[in-house]
Amino acid sequence: MALDPNFIGRHYPATETYEVGREKIAEFAAAIGDTNPIYLDPAAAVAAGHPDVIAPPTFLTIVNLRAINVIVGDPELGLDYGRMVHGDQSFDHRRPVHAGDRIAVSVTIEDIMARAGNDFITMRAEVHAEDSELVCVCRAQLVVRGDEA
């Protein structure tokens, strides 16, 4: 079933707040094999001008994925998770995410298009700090394979 382009512009507001912790930053840095001290050592991060350890640039995948799953799970959209693959991801950071940040993510469907029998859905996620400061804009594109003949 093709995705309905009438969903372009649909907004999904933030539903929860995520508190960024030093432990989660360290776990993520270890998972990607990055030993940069500003991700692991508060003193090194402060010496580099940050209020605490900062997260690697792709750390926001953790909270962005939760927001994307809200769209994927929207029964009105009718996206077949079993036919979906992740096509693209980008991050436009306004400032680094650091331990102690409390962030929330809202998502908007920016585009839906069909090409070569597949649907492409592009989402824009805005990550805001508790004080409403825009921290990052994340974009993701999902590809949903068309029906097989």
C-alpha atoms as a PDB file:
ATOM      1  CA  MET A   1       0.000   0.000   0.000  1.00  0.00           C
ATOM      2  CA  ALA A   2       1.444   3.360  -1.016  1.00  0.00           C
ATOM      3  CA  LEU A   3       1.951   6.027   1.616  1.00  0.00           C
ATOM      4  CA  ASP A   4      -0.508   8.888   1.389  1.00  0.00           C
ATOM      5  CA  PRO A   5       1.169  12.214   0.494  1.00  0.00           C
ATOM      6  CA  ASN A   6      -1.599  13.987   2.423  1.00  0.00           C
ATOM      7  CA  PHE A   7       0.468  13.167   5.532  1.00  0.00           C
ATOM      8  CA  ILE A   8       3.115  15.689   4.447  1.00  0.00           C
ATOM      9  CA  GLY A   9       3.170  18.367   7.124  1.00  0.00           C
ATOM     10  CA  ARG A  10       1.681  16.172   9.852  1.00  0.00           C
ATOM     11  CA  HIS A  11       3.302  17.081  13.154  1.00  0.00           C
ATOM     12  CA  TYR A  12       3.903  14.770  16.086  1.00  0.00           C
ATOM     13  CA  PRO A  13       4.615  16.783  19.244  1.00  0.00           C
ATOM     14  CA  ALA A  14       7.115  15.701  21.879  1.00  0.00           C
ATOM     15  CA  THR A  15       5.591  13.208  24.289  1.00  0.00           C
ATOM     16  CA  GLU A  16       8.413  12.741  26.778  1.00  0.00           C
ATOM     17  CA  THR A  17      11.623  14.280  28.049  1.00  0.00           C
ATOM     18  CA  TYR A  18      14.951  12.439  27.918  1.00  0.00           C
ATOM     19  CA  GLU A  19      17.583  13.267  30.509  1.00  0.00           C
ATOM     20  CA  VAL A  20      21.068  12.942  29.044  1.00  0.00           C
ATOM     21  CA  GLY A  21      23.361  11.198  31.505  1.00  0.00           C
ATOM     22  CA  ARG A  22      27.118  10.757  31.623  1.00  0.00           C
ATOM     23  CA  GLU A  23      26.678   6.983  31.682  1.00  0.00           C
ATOM     24  CA  LYS A  24      24.601   6.946  28.494  1.00  0.00           C
ATOM     25  CA  ILE A  25      27.101   9.209  26.747  1.00  0.00           C
ATOM     26  CA  ALA A  26      29.970   6.920  27.819  1.00  0.00           C
ATOM     27  CA  GLU A  27      28.059   3.823  26.673  1.00  0.00           C
ATOM     28  CA  PHE A  28      27.344   5.391  23.290  1.00  0.00           C
ATOM     29  CA  ALA A  29      30.962   6.535  22.851  1.00  0.00           C
ATOM     30  CA  ALA A  30      32.157   3.013  23.683  1.00  0.00           C
ATOM     31  CA  ALA A  31      29.655   1.501  21.238  1.00  0.00           C
ATOM     32  CA  ILE A  32      31.007   3.616  18.375  1.00  0.00           C
ATOM     33  CA  GLY A  33      34.627   3.213  19.504  1.00  0.00           C
ATOM     34  CA  ASP A  34      35.254   6.915  20.180  1.00  0.00           C
ATOM     35  CA  THR A  35      37.539   7.599  23.146  1.00  0.00           C
ATOM     36  CA  ASN A  36      37.564  11.394  22.866  1.00  0.00           C
ATOM     37  CA  PRO A  37      38.048  12.626  26.469  1.00  0.00           C
ATOM     38  CA  ILE A  38      35.345  15.303  26.134  1.00  0.00           C
ATOM     39  CA  TYR A  39      32.841  12.429  25.901  1.00  0.00           C
ATOM     40  CA  LEU A  40      34.201  10.647  28.960  1.00  0.00           C
ATOM     41  CA  ASP A  41      35.994  13.006  31.344  1.00  0.00           C
ATOM     42  CA  PRO A  42      34.130  15.959  32.895  1.00  0.00           C
ATOM     43  CA  ALA A  43      37.406  17.824  33.556  1.00  0.00           C
ATOM     44  CA  ALA A  44      38.459  17.489  29.903  1.00  0.00           C
ATOM     45  CA  ALA A  45      35.034  18.681  28.757  1.00  0.00           C
ATOM     46  CA  VAL A  46      35.113  21.709  31.087  1.00  0.00           C
ATOM     47  CA  ALA A  47      38.660  22.527  29.949  1.00  0.00           C
ATOM     48  CA  ALA A  48      37.327  22.503  26.363  1.00  0.00           C
ATOM     49  CA  GLY A  49      34.623  25.033  27.317  1.00  0.00           C
ATOM     50  CA  HIS A  50      31.652  22.732  27.917  1.00  0.00           C
ATOM     51  CA  PRO A  51      29.511  22.561  31.073  1.00  0.00           C
ATOM     52  CA  ASP A  52      29.968  18.773  31.335  1.00  0.00           C
ATOM     53  CA  VAL A  53      30.839  15.839  29.081  1.00  0.00           C
ATOM     54  CA  ILE A  54      29.282  16.213  25.655  1.00  0.00           C
ATOM     55  CA  ALA A  55      27.672  13.557  23.511  1.00  0.00           C
ATOM     56  CA  PRO A  56      29.117  12.374  20.196  1.00  0.00           C
ATOM     57  CA  PRO A  57      27.273  14.041  17.287  1.00  0.00           C
ATOM     58  CA  THR A  58      25.225  10.935  16.429  1.00  0.00           C
ATOM     59  CA  PHE A  59      24.111  10.334  20.045  1.00  0.00           C
ATOM     60  CA  LEU A  60      20.763  11.931  19.265  1.00  0.00           C
ATOM     61  CA  THR A  61      19.926   8.838  17.228  1.00  0.00           C
ATOM     62  CA  ILE A  62      18.758   7.401  20.555  1.00  0.00           C
ATOM     63  CA  VAL A  63      15.991   9.953  21.092  1.00  0.00           C
ATOM     64  CA  ASN A  64      15.336  10.524  17.409  1.00  0.00           C
ATOM     65  CA  LEU A  65      14.583   6.824  16.899  1.00  0.00           C
ATOM     66  CA  ARG A  66      11.904   6.970  19.595  1.00  0.00           C
ATOM     67  CA  ALA A  67      10.268   9.894  17.810  1.00  0.00           C
ATOM     68  CA  ILE A  68      10.485   8.180  14.414  1.00  0.00           C
ATOM     69  CA  ASN A  69       8.836   5.105  15.898  1.00  0.00           C
ATOM     70  CA  VAL A  70       5.807   7.247  16.773  1.00  0.00           C
ATOM     71  CA  ILE A  71       5.363   7.967  13.064  1.00  0.00           C
ATOM     72  CA  VAL A  72       6.117   4.396  12.022  1.00  0.00           C
ATOM     73  CA  GLY A  73       3.504   3.214  14.519  1.00  0.00           C
ATOM     74  CA  ASP A  74       0.814   5.664  13.383  1.00  0.00           C
ATOM     75  CA  PRO A  75      -1.984   3.341  12.216  1.00  0.00           C
ATOM     76  CA  GLU A  76      -3.456   6.070   9.995  1.00  0.00           C
ATOM     77  CA  LEU A  77      -0.222   6.310   8.001  1.00  0.00           C
ATOM     78  CA  GLY A  78      -0.192   2.547   7.435  1.00  0.00           C
ATOM     79  CA  LEU A  79       3.569   2.158   7.089  1.00  0.00           C
ATOM     80  CA  ASP A  80       4.536  -1.536   6.912  1.00  0.00           C
ATOM     81  CA  TYR A  81       7.503  -1.853   9.292  1.00  0.00           C
ATOM     82  CA  GLY A  82       8.429  -5.230   7.792  1.00  0.00           C
ATOM     83  CA  ARG A  83       9.073  -3.567   4.419  1.00  0.00           C
ATOM     84  CA  MET A  84      10.965  -0.553   5.759  1.00  0.00           C
ATOM     85  CA  VAL A  85      14.682   0.230   5.759  1.00  0.00           C
ATOM     86  CA  HIS A  86      16.543   3.298   6.963  1.00  0.00           C
ATOM     87  CA  GLY A  87      17.697   5.303   3.954  1.00  0.00           C
ATOM     88  CA  ASP A  88      19.423   8.433   5.242  1.00  0.00           C
ATOM     89  CA  GLN A  89      20.141  10.436   8.397  1.00  0.00           C
ATOM     90  CA  SER A  90      21.566  13.894   9.032  1.00  0.00           C
ATOM     91  CA  PHE A  91      22.122  16.131  12.047  1.00  0.00           C
ATOM     92  CA  ASP A  92      22.267  19.930  12.098  1.00  0.00           C
ATOM     93  CA  HIS A  93      23.616  20.729  15.559  1.00  0.00           C
ATOM     94  CA  ARG A  94      23.035  24.175  17.034  1.00  0.00           C
ATOM     95  CA  ARG A  95      25.103  23.273  20.085  1.00  0.00           C
ATOM     96  CA  PRO A  96      26.546  20.100  21.595  1.00  0.00           C
ATOM     97  CA  VAL A  97      24.325  17.939  23.771  1.00  0.00           C
ATOM     98  CA  HIS A  98      25.825  17.548  27.220  1.00  0.00           C
ATOM     99  CA  ALA A  99      25.214  15.536  30.361  1.00  0.00           C
ATOM    100  CA  GLY A 100      22.406  17.096  32.333  1.00  0.00           C
ATOM    101  CA  ASP A 101      20.452  18.242  29.291  1.00  0.00           C
ATOM    102  CA  ARG A 102      16.757  17.427  29.402  1.00  0.00           C
ATOM    103  CA  ILE A 103      15.643  17.193  25.794  1.00  0.00           C
ATOM    104  CA  ALA A 104      12.426  16.534  23.922  1.00  0.00           C
ATOM    105  CA  VAL A 105      11.852  15.707  20.265  1.00  0.00           C
ATOM    106  CA  SER A 106       8.979  16.677  17.999  1.00  0.00           C
ATOM    107  CA  VAL A 107       8.739  15.323  14.458  1.00  0.00           C
ATOM    108  CA  THR A 108       7.131  16.510  11.244  1.00  0.00           C
ATOM    109  CA  ILE A 109       6.706  14.539   8.033  1.00  0.00           C
ATOM    110  CA  GLU A 110       8.455  16.699   5.436  1.00  0.00           C
ATOM    111  CA  ASP A 111       7.978  14.644   2.314  1.00  0.00           C
ATOM    112  CA  ILE A 112       6.474  11.453   0.957  1.00  0.00           C
ATOM    113  CA  MET A 113       7.276  10.377  -2.564  1.00  0.00           C
ATOM    114  CA  ALA A 114       7.189   7.241  -4.661  1.00  0.00           C
ATOM    115  CA  ARG A 115      10.040   6.182  -6.893  1.00  0.00           C
ATOM    116  CA  ALA A 116      10.713   2.890  -8.672  1.00  0.00           C
ATOM    117  CA  GLY A 117       7.816   1.236  -6.863  1.00  0.00           C
ATOM    118  CA  ASN A 118       9.064   2.229  -3.401  1.00  0.00           C
ATOM    119  CA  ASP A 119       7.844   4.898  -0.988  1.00  0.00           C
ATOM    120  CA  PHE A 120      10.240   7.396   0.576  1.00  0.00           C
ATOM    121  CA  ILE A 121       9.247   9.274   3.704  1.00  0.00           C
ATOM    122  CA  THR A 122      11.394  12.123   5.033  1.00  0.00           C
ATOM    123  CA  MET A 123      11.014  13.330   8.606  1.00  0.00           C
ATOM    124  CA  ARG A 124      12.349  16.411  10.366  1.00  0.00           C
ATOM    125  CA  ALA A 125      12.890  16.077  14.101  1.00  0.00           C
ATOM    126  CA  GLU A 126      13.559  19.102  16.266  1.00  0.00           C
ATOM    127  CA  VAL A 127      15.412  18.462  19.495  1.00  0.00           C
ATOM    128  CA  HIS A 128      14.751  21.117  22.120  1.00  0.00           C
ATOM    129  CA  ALA A 129      16.256  21.596  25.548  1.00  0.00           C
ATOM    130  CA  GLU A 130      13.984  22.079  28.526  1.00  0.00           C
ATOM    131  CA  ASP A 131      14.167  25.870  28.115  1.00  0.00           C
ATOM    132  CA  SER A 132      12.859  25.518  24.517  1.00  0.00           C
ATOM    133  CA  GLU A 133      16.324  26.141  23.004  1.00  0.00           C
ATOM    134  CA  LEU A 134      16.674  24.376  19.650  1.00  0.00           C
ATOM    135  CA  VAL A 135      19.623  22.020  20.078  1.00  0.00           C
ATOM    136  CA  CYS A 136      19.561  20.047  16.827  1.00  0.00           C
ATOM    137  CA  VAL A 137      17.507  19.367  13.722  1.00  0.00           C
ATOM    138  CA  CYS A 138      17.646  15.726  12.640  1.00  0.00           C
ATOM    139  CA  ARG A 139      16.401  14.475   9.317  1.00  0.00           C
ATOM    140  CA  ALA A 140      15.734  10.846   8.503  1.00  0.00           C
ATOM    141  CA  GLN A 141      14.509   9.163   5.382  1.00  0.00           C
ATOM    142  CA  LEU A 142      12.867   5.774   5.433  1.00  0.00           C
ATOM    143  CA  VAL A 143      12.344   3.617   2.361  1.00  0.00           C
ATOM    144  CA  VAL A 144       9.341   1.316   2.227  1.00  0.00           C
ATOM    145  CA  ARG A 145       9.596  -1.387  -0.401  1.00  0.00           C
ATOM    146  CA  GLY A 146       6.643  -1.616  -2.724  1.00  0.00           C
ATOM    147  CA  ASP A 147       4.426  -4.660  -3.032  1.00  0.00           C
ATOM    148  CA  GLU A 148       6.068  -7.576  -4.757  1.00  0.00           C
ATOM    149  CA  ALA A 149       4.332  -8.824  -7.857  1.00  0.00           C
END
